[in-house]
């Protein structure tokens, strides 16, 4: 169940080359990194339900986990701490936090789920070991509207605009055509779910559906594509958790399978979370915070701010900025557990501010090992921006307008 070394090395080389080119652009333009804001997905967790999927989807019982459904696992916590330690090295080198003293210009914000709160705690342990850094969050399991403005009614959807946005993402032929395009991948997933069972198990036999949005509910997939997204993510989390090979897809899934099947999870976000209209509404609570942190020039303003959120918010932000990445072992554009969109503020000698985006994550192999010796880090150009002649670099004003959905 090892990831092919050649593919991993190539992906890391490409990421390093992309990052090095962008760094050279910034250096030649005389820009200095002075703020970072991370929007980060929580770390590795089990399925969010005690019965992970409806009876009959899988021929065998799903493996057990060491924590309650949806909670951050100890392995997941260790992986988050490891990637925070890697982040710390970069932040110290850039002068964003001190090398030895406890940082005073760090802000951590988390959603109210156990996995997001615990992710922020684990990140703090790696970023500033031995220091007491406050984490802003609501009491566990008390809904926080900052993280879901649509459902809370703070940013209601116009159903007609939402439908148009989703239809544009789905394309001609509707959701049935999307499903037909991934028929071989559905069969590959069902072979893992069902093994030799000659029953109606699996996901492919139920046609995909698309439930439109209302003012306070986002559009939702149903049927084969919805269940394939869930099943693929569970299988990937089993591998990332470090479970024995026999417990990853009941011994029927390879690392290559998990990479390929992750396309279902990324597809769900492409259709439902990345369309800019929907993304801007769901991010209506977090976007002002992000803009505020990047704009604040007060002497005590945070130089590092991290939001512990979910894959939905990561996909929302990626959709607003049209960001794309490919982490080794993970499907293209799929939000990685513990992965983050890092928004970097770069300033010139006159105090003019610019923003670029970076995607930072552990590879699937490093998640499984719980390490972050060489995290994937690639500059991901922000669409429509080319400040100072650098493709993908925004002025702060242009970035703020994009984040506000204008």
Protein backbone atom coordinates (compact mmCIF):
# COMPACT_ATOMS: atom_id res chain seq x y z
CA UNK A 1 0.00 0.00 0.00
CA UNK A 2 2.94 2.29 -0.62
CA UNK A 3 2.62 5.32 -2.90
CA UNK A 4 4.92 4.98 -5.93
CA UNK A 5 8.18 6.78 -5.07
CA UNK A 6 8.64 8.09 -8.59
CA UNK A 7 5.22 9.81 -8.64
CA UNK A 8 5.71 11.27 -5.19
CA UNK A 9 9.18 12.60 -5.99
CA UNK A 10 8.00 14.14 -9.24
CA UNK A 11 5.08 15.89 -7.57
CA UNK A 12 7.32 17.25 -4.82
CA UNK A 13 9.82 18.46 -7.41
CA UNK A 14 7.12 20.28 -9.36
CA UNK A 15 5.79 21.87 -6.16
CA UNK A 16 9.27 23.02 -5.19
CA UNK A 17 9.87 24.48 -8.64
CA UNK A 18 6.58 26.38 -8.57
CA UNK A 19 7.28 27.76 -5.13
CA UNK A 20 10.85 28.70 -6.02
CA UNK A 21 9.75 30.60 -9.13
CA UNK A 22 7.17 32.58 -7.19
CA UNK A 23 9.67 33.33 -4.43
CA UNK A 24 12.10 34.64 -7.04
CA UNK A 25 9.38 36.90 -8.46
CA UNK A 26 8.72 38.35 -5.01
CA UNK A 27 12.40 38.81 -4.21
CA UNK A 28 13.14 40.59 -7.49
CA UNK A 29 10.18 42.90 -6.89
CA UNK A 30 11.49 43.83 -3.44
CA UNK A 31 8.50 42.47 -1.54
CA UNK A 32 8.64 41.30 2.07
CA UNK A 33 6.35 38.75 3.71
CA UNK A 34 4.79 40.34 6.79
CA UNK A 35 1.42 38.60 7.38
CA UNK A 36 -0.01 35.11 6.88
CA UNK A 37 -3.56 33.86 7.26
CA UNK A 38 -4.20 30.12 7.05
CA UNK A 39 -7.61 28.60 6.35
CA UNK A 40 -7.00 25.02 7.39
CA UNK A 41 -9.02 21.83 7.26
CA UNK A 42 -9.12 19.89 10.52
CA UNK A 43 -6.93 16.82 10.90
CA UNK A 44 -7.70 13.13 10.46
CA UNK A 45 -11.01 11.96 11.89
CA UNK A 46 -13.24 8.87 11.71
CA UNK A 47 -16.55 8.93 9.83
CA UNK A 48 -18.99 11.41 11.32
CA UNK A 49 -21.62 8.73 11.99
CA UNK A 50 -21.45 5.55 14.08
CA UNK A 51 -22.84 3.67 11.07
CA UNK A 52 -20.60 5.28 8.44
CA UNK A 53 -22.91 4.59 5.51
CA UNK A 54 -26.34 3.01 4.99
CA UNK A 55 -26.60 -0.73 5.43
CA UNK A 56 -25.80 -2.59 2.25
CA UNK A 57 -23.33 -0.10 0.79
CA UNK A 58 -20.45 -2.29 1.97
CA UNK A 59 -20.46 -6.08 2.14
CA UNK A 60 -18.38 -6.16 5.35
CA UNK A 61 -18.42 -4.30 8.65
CA UNK A 62 -16.55 -1.00 8.71
CA UNK A 63 -13.41 -0.95 10.91
CA UNK A 64 -13.47 0.61 14.37
CA UNK A 65 -11.80 3.87 15.39
CA UNK A 66 -10.21 4.97 18.69
CA UNK A 67 -12.43 8.05 19.17
CA UNK A 68 -16.07 9.10 18.83
CA UNK A 69 -17.49 9.68 15.34
CA UNK A 70 -16.11 12.84 13.79
CA UNK A 71 -13.50 13.55 16.50
CA UNK A 72 -9.84 14.25 15.82
CA UNK A 73 -7.83 11.08 16.41
CA UNK A 74 -4.58 10.99 18.39
CA UNK A 75 -2.78 10.16 15.15
CA UNK A 76 -4.51 13.09 13.47
CA UNK A 77 -3.47 15.39 16.32
CA UNK A 78 0.16 14.28 15.98
CA UNK A 79 0.08 14.93 12.23
CA UNK A 80 -1.32 18.44 12.78
CA UNK A 81 1.38 19.19 15.36
CA UNK A 82 4.02 17.97 12.91
CA UNK A 83 2.83 20.26 10.12
CA UNK A 84 2.61 23.16 12.58
CA UNK A 85 6.25 22.58 13.48
CA UNK A 86 7.11 22.80 9.79
CA UNK A 87 5.08 26.00 9.49
CA UNK A 88 6.88 27.39 12.54
CA UNK A 89 10.24 26.96 10.84
CA UNK A 90 9.09 29.05 7.90
CA UNK A 91 7.44 31.69 10.04
CA UNK A 92 10.55 32.12 12.20
CA UNK A 93 12.74 32.42 9.11
CA UNK A 94 10.42 35.14 7.76
CA UNK A 95 10.47 37.02 11.06
CA UNK A 96 6.74 36.53 11.65
CA UNK A 97 7.21 34.90 15.06
CA UNK A 98 10.20 34.86 17.44
CA UNK A 99 12.64 31.98 17.40
CA UNK A 100 12.56 31.36 21.17
CA UNK A 101 10.12 33.58 23.06
CA UNK A 102 6.39 32.87 23.02
CA UNK A 103 4.72 34.72 20.14
CA UNK A 104 2.29 37.49 21.05
CA UNK A 105 0.98 38.25 17.57
CA UNK A 106 -0.73 34.95 16.79
CA UNK A 107 -4.51 34.46 16.50
CA UNK A 108 -6.24 31.06 16.36
CA UNK A 109 -9.93 30.69 15.50
CA UNK A 110 -11.79 27.36 15.37
CA UNK A 111 -15.25 26.12 14.53
CA UNK A 112 -17.09 24.56 17.46
CA UNK A 113 -16.75 20.89 16.51
CA UNK A 114 -14.43 18.78 18.63
CA UNK A 115 -12.22 18.06 15.62
CA UNK A 116 -11.70 21.74 14.78
CA UNK A 117 -11.08 22.82 18.38
CA UNK A 118 -8.64 19.93 18.89
CA UNK A 119 -6.96 20.75 15.57
CA UNK A 120 -6.35 24.32 16.74
CA UNK A 121 -4.96 23.01 20.03
CA UNK A 122 -2.64 20.60 18.22
CA UNK A 123 -1.53 23.34 15.85
CA UNK A 124 -0.75 25.66 18.78
CA UNK A 125 1.37 22.91 20.35
CA UNK A 126 3.54 22.68 17.24
CA UNK A 127 3.60 26.38 16.41
CA UNK A 128 4.50 27.61 19.88
CA UNK A 129 5.49 24.67 22.11
CA UNK A 130 5.14 25.38 25.81
CA UNK A 131 3.23 28.62 25.20
CA UNK A 132 -0.34 29.43 26.14
CA UNK A 133 -2.09 30.69 23.01
CA UNK A 134 -5.80 31.43 23.31
CA UNK A 135 -8.12 29.80 20.78
CA UNK A 136 -11.30 31.62 19.89
CA UNK A 137 -14.25 29.25 19.55
CA UNK A 138 -17.79 28.74 20.75
CA UNK A 139 -18.56 25.97 23.24
CA UNK A 140 -18.15 22.55 21.65
CA UNK A 141 -21.11 21.58 19.46
CA UNK A 142 -22.79 24.99 19.75
CA UNK A 143 -23.33 26.10 16.16
CA UNK A 144 -21.12 28.99 15.08
CA UNK A 145 -22.65 31.09 12.28
CA UNK A 146 -19.21 32.35 11.26
CA UNK A 147 -18.63 28.96 9.64
CA UNK A 148 -21.97 28.52 7.91
CA UNK A 149 -23.62 31.81 7.10
CA UNK A 150 -26.14 30.21 4.74
CA UNK A 151 -27.74 27.77 7.18
CA UNK A 152 -27.81 30.36 9.94
CA UNK A 153 -29.68 32.82 7.75
CA UNK A 154 -27.01 35.53 7.92
CA UNK A 155 -26.28 35.19 4.19
CA UNK A 156 -29.35 33.57 2.61
CA UNK A 157 -29.11 32.23 -0.91
CA UNK A 158 -31.12 33.37 -3.88
CA UNK A 159 -32.24 29.90 -5.04
CA UNK A 160 -32.33 30.95 -8.70
CA UNK A 161 -28.76 32.31 -8.60
CA UNK A 162 -27.59 29.23 -6.71
CA UNK A 163 -29.22 26.94 -9.28
CA UNK A 164 -27.57 28.83 -12.13
CA UNK A 165 -24.18 28.58 -10.42
CA UNK A 166 -24.51 24.83 -9.90
CA UNK A 167 -25.86 24.25 -13.41
CA UNK A 168 -22.82 26.02 -14.84
CA UNK A 169 -20.53 23.73 -12.82
CA UNK A 170 -22.48 20.59 -13.77
CA UNK A 171 -22.51 21.40 -17.48
CA UNK A 172 -24.62 20.06 -20.37
CA UNK A 173 -26.53 16.87 -19.79
CA UNK A 174 -27.04 17.47 -16.09
CA UNK A 175 -25.96 15.30 -13.21
CA UNK A 176 -26.66 12.10 -15.16
CA UNK A 177 -23.99 13.07 -17.68
CA UNK A 178 -21.53 13.76 -14.87
CA UNK A 179 -22.21 10.30 -13.45
CA UNK A 180 -21.74 8.64 -16.85
CA UNK A 181 -18.34 10.28 -17.10
CA UNK A 182 -17.12 8.48 -13.98
CA UNK A 183 -18.73 5.06 -14.57
CA UNK A 184 -15.40 3.16 -14.54
CA UNK A 185 -14.41 4.86 -11.28
CA UNK A 186 -17.75 3.93 -9.70
CA UNK A 187 -17.14 0.30 -10.68
CA UNK A 188 -13.65 0.48 -9.14
CA UNK A 189 -15.12 1.77 -5.87
CA UNK A 190 -17.82 -0.92 -5.82
CA UNK A 191 -15.20 -3.65 -6.22
CA UNK A 192 -13.63 -2.41 -2.99
CA UNK A 193 -16.93 -1.97 -1.15
CA UNK A 194 -18.38 -5.32 -2.21
CA UNK A 195 -15.47 -7.68 -2.81
CA UNK A 196 -16.76 -10.97 -4.18
CA UNK A 197 -20.29 -10.41 -2.81
CA UNK A 198 -22.98 -10.98 -5.44
CA UNK A 199 -25.52 -8.62 -3.93
CA UNK A 200 -26.89 -5.14 -4.50
CA UNK A 201 -24.15 -3.63 -2.39
CA UNK A 202 -22.07 -0.67 -3.53
CA UNK A 203 -23.07 2.78 -4.72
CA UNK A 204 -23.36 2.63 -8.51
CA UNK A 205 -26.88 1.16 -8.70
CA UNK A 206 -28.58 4.29 -7.28
CA UNK A 207 -28.88 7.14 -9.84
CA UNK A 208 -27.34 10.44 -8.81
CA UNK A 209 -29.62 13.33 -7.93
CA UNK A 210 -29.17 17.03 -7.27
CA UNK A 211 -31.38 18.76 -4.71
CA UNK A 212 -31.55 22.51 -5.38
CA UNK A 213 -30.73 25.12 -2.78
CA UNK A 214 -33.21 27.04 -0.69
CA UNK A 215 -32.57 30.33 1.08
CA UNK A 216 -30.95 28.52 4.04
CA UNK A 217 -29.82 25.18 2.58
CA UNK A 218 -27.01 24.59 0.15
CA UNK A 219 -27.57 22.36 -2.91
CA UNK A 220 -26.94 18.69 -2.22
CA UNK A 221 -25.93 15.60 -4.14
CA UNK A 222 -27.79 12.33 -3.69
CA UNK A 223 -27.44 8.82 -5.03
CA UNK A 224 -24.28 7.34 -6.51
CA UNK A 225 -22.08 10.45 -6.62
CA UNK A 226 -22.98 11.51 -3.09
CA UNK A 227 -22.30 8.07 -1.64
CA UNK A 228 -19.14 7.67 -3.69
CA UNK A 229 -17.78 10.93 -2.27
CA UNK A 230 -18.47 9.78 1.29
CA UNK A 231 -17.08 6.28 0.77
CA UNK A 232 -13.93 7.52 -0.95
CA UNK A 233 -13.23 9.96 1.87
CA UNK A 234 -13.71 7.27 4.53
CA UNK A 235 -11.26 4.96 2.74
CA UNK A 236 -8.68 7.75 2.47
CA UNK A 237 -9.05 8.59 6.16
CA UNK A 238 -8.53 4.91 7.06
CA UNK A 239 -5.22 4.97 5.21
CA UNK A 240 -4.18 8.36 6.56
CA UNK A 241 -4.92 7.17 10.10
CA UNK A 242 -2.28 4.48 9.69
CA UNK A 243 -4.66 1.54 9.90
CA UNK A 244 -3.26 -1.87 8.92
CA UNK A 245 -3.62 -2.76 5.26
CA UNK A 246 -6.34 -5.29 6.13
CA UNK A 247 -8.48 -2.48 7.58
CA UNK A 248 -8.10 -0.09 4.65
CA UNK A 249 -10.97 -0.97 2.34
CA UNK A 250 -11.03 -4.45 3.94
CA UNK A 251 -7.63 -5.13 2.37
CA UNK A 252 -8.98 -4.46 -1.10
CA UNK A 253 -7.78 -0.84 -1.53
CA UNK A 254 -4.34 0.29 -2.58
CA UNK A 255 -2.91 3.79 -2.13
CA UNK A 256 -3.33 4.24 -5.88
CA UNK A 257 -7.04 3.39 -5.54
CA UNK A 258 -7.45 6.00 -2.82
CA UNK A 259 -5.81 8.70 -4.92
CA UNK A 260 -8.04 7.94 -7.88
CA UNK A 261 -11.25 7.61 -5.86
CA UNK A 262 -10.60 10.95 -4.17
CA UNK A 263 -11.84 12.49 -7.42
CA UNK A 264 -15.38 11.84 -6.14
CA UNK A 265 -14.79 14.01 -3.06
CA UNK A 266 -13.21 16.77 -5.17
CA UNK A 267 -16.08 16.53 -7.65
CA UNK A 268 -18.68 17.14 -4.95
CA UNK A 269 -16.89 20.33 -3.93
CA UNK A 270 -16.43 21.46 -7.54
CA UNK A 271 -20.16 21.23 -8.11
CA UNK A 272 -21.52 22.47 -4.80
CA UNK A 273 -18.92 24.47 -2.85
CA UNK A 274 -16.57 26.10 -5.36
CA UNK A 275 -19.13 28.03 -7.49
CA UNK A 276 -18.30 31.63 -6.54
CA UNK A 277 -21.83 32.76 -5.73
CA UNK A 278 -22.38 29.93 -3.23
CA UNK A 279 -18.83 30.24 -1.92
CA UNK A 280 -19.13 33.95 -1.23
CA UNK A 281 -22.36 33.50 0.71
CA UNK A 282 -21.02 30.68 2.87
CA UNK A 283 -17.79 32.61 3.54
CA UNK A 284 -19.63 35.82 4.44
CA UNK A 285 -18.69 35.43 8.11
CA UNK A 286 -15.02 34.47 7.69
CA UNK A 287 -14.12 36.74 4.78
CA UNK A 288 -14.25 39.97 6.83
CA UNK A 289 -11.99 38.37 9.44
CA UNK A 290 -9.47 37.37 6.78
CA UNK A 291 -9.50 40.81 5.16
CA UNK A 292 -9.19 42.46 8.56
CA UNK A 293 -6.12 40.43 9.54
CA UNK A 294 -4.43 41.11 6.20
CA UNK A 295 -5.24 44.83 6.34
CA UNK A 296 -4.37 45.59 9.96
CA UNK A 297 -1.14 47.57 10.26
CA UNK A 298 -1.39 48.25 13.99
CA UNK A 299 1.83 47.50 15.93
CA UNK A 300 0.15 44.64 17.81
CA UNK A 301 -1.76 43.22 14.83
CA UNK A 302 -1.38 39.46 14.36
CA UNK A 303 1.35 38.39 11.98
CA UNK A 304 0.01 34.82 11.92
CA UNK A 305 -3.70 33.95 11.97
CA UNK A 306 -5.06 30.42 11.56
CA UNK A 307 -8.67 29.30 11.12
CA UNK A 308 -9.38 25.64 11.93
CA UNK A 309 -12.33 24.86 9.68
CA UNK A 310 -13.64 22.17 7.35
CA UNK A 311 -13.13 21.01 3.79
CA UNK A 312 -16.24 22.99 2.79
CA UNK A 313 -14.72 26.35 3.77
CA UNK A 314 -11.40 25.45 2.11
CA UNK A 315 -13.29 24.63 -1.10
CA UNK A 316 -15.31 27.85 -0.76
CA UNK A 317 -12.17 29.98 -0.57
CA UNK A 318 -10.57 28.04 -3.43
CA UNK A 319 -13.65 28.68 -5.54
CA UNK A 320 -13.67 32.40 -4.83
CA UNK A 321 -10.02 32.73 -5.87
CA UNK A 322 -10.04 29.91 -8.49
CA UNK A 323 -7.15 28.09 -6.80
CA UNK A 324 -5.94 24.64 -7.87
CA UNK A 325 -3.43 22.18 -6.39
CA UNK A 326 -2.32 18.56 -6.57
CA UNK A 327 -0.88 17.07 -3.38
CA UNK A 328 0.98 13.75 -3.76
CA UNK A 329 -1.37 10.86 -3.07
CA UNK A 330 -4.47 13.10 -3.07
CA UNK A 331 -6.85 13.85 -5.93
CA UNK A 332 -6.51 17.24 -7.63
CA UNK A 333 -8.13 20.09 -5.66
CA UNK A 334 -9.31 17.81 -2.86
CA UNK A 335 -8.92 19.53 0.56
CA UNK A 336 -6.41 17.50 2.56
CA UNK A 337 -6.84 16.78 6.30
CA UNK A 338 -4.61 19.36 7.97
CA UNK A 339 -4.06 21.09 4.62
CA UNK A 340 -4.40 24.85 4.36
CA UNK A 341 -4.77 27.70 1.94
CA UNK A 342 -2.12 30.14 3.15
CA UNK A 343 -2.73 33.77 2.24
CA UNK A 344 0.53 35.68 2.36
CA UNK A 345 0.69 39.47 2.56
CA UNK A 346 3.73 40.89 0.81
CA UNK A 347 4.64 44.57 1.20
CA UNK A 348 6.95 46.88 -0.70
CA UNK A 349 9.18 49.65 0.63
CA UNK A 350 6.37 52.20 0.30
CA UNK A 351 3.99 50.12 2.42
CA UNK A 352 1.84 48.94 -0.48
CA UNK A 353 0.35 45.53 0.23
CA UNK A 354 -0.13 42.53 -2.05
CA UNK A 355 -1.55 39.04 -1.49
CA UNK A 356 -0.58 35.68 -2.93
CA UNK A 357 -1.97 32.24 -2.16
CA UNK A 358 -0.10 29.06 -1.27
CA UNK A 359 -1.50 25.58 -0.73
CA UNK A 360 0.33 23.69 2.04
CA UNK A 361 -0.36 20.10 3.04
CA UNK A 362 1.19 16.78 3.96
CA UNK A 363 1.23 14.13 1.28
CA UNK A 364 -0.87 11.03 1.84
CA UNK A 365 2.29 9.14 2.78
CA UNK A 366 3.24 11.74 5.37
CA UNK A 367 -0.27 11.82 6.81
CA UNK A 368 -0.07 8.05 7.26
CA UNK A 369 3.32 8.39 8.93
CA UNK A 370 2.20 11.35 11.03
CA UNK A 371 5.18 13.40 9.83
CA UNK A 372 5.79 16.64 7.93
CA UNK A 373 9.41 16.38 6.87
CA UNK A 374 8.73 17.79 3.40
CA UNK A 375 5.22 19.23 3.23
CA UNK A 376 3.82 20.07 -0.17
CA UNK A 377 3.92 23.83 -0.56
CA UNK A 378 3.01 25.42 -3.89
CA UNK A 379 2.08 28.94 -4.88
CA UNK A 380 -1.39 28.74 -6.45
CA UNK A 381 -2.09 31.78 -8.63
CA UNK A 382 -5.14 33.87 -7.78
CA UNK A 383 -7.18 34.09 -10.98
CA UNK A 384 -7.43 37.50 -12.63
CA UNK A 385 -4.55 39.07 -10.72
CA UNK A 386 -1.16 40.13 -12.08
CA UNK A 387 0.05 42.92 -9.80
CA UNK A 388 3.57 44.20 -10.50
CA UNK A 389 3.68 41.85 -13.48
CA UNK A 390 3.52 38.73 -11.29
CA UNK A 391 0.79 36.34 -12.45
CA UNK A 392 -1.50 35.40 -9.57
CA UNK A 393 -0.37 38.25 -7.29
CA UNK A 394 -3.19 40.56 -6.16
CA UNK A 395 -3.13 44.02 -4.70
CA UNK A 396 -4.73 43.89 -1.26
CA UNK A 397 -7.65 45.93 -2.60
CA UNK A 398 -8.24 43.54 -5.51
CA UNK A 399 -7.95 40.55 -3.21
CA UNK A 400 -10.48 42.03 -0.78
CA UNK A 401 -12.93 42.62 -3.60
CA UNK A 402 -12.58 39.01 -4.77
CA UNK A 403 -13.14 37.69 -1.28
CA UNK A 404 -16.26 39.81 -0.95
CA UNK A 405 -17.57 38.25 -4.16
CA UNK A 406 -17.37 41.46 -6.19
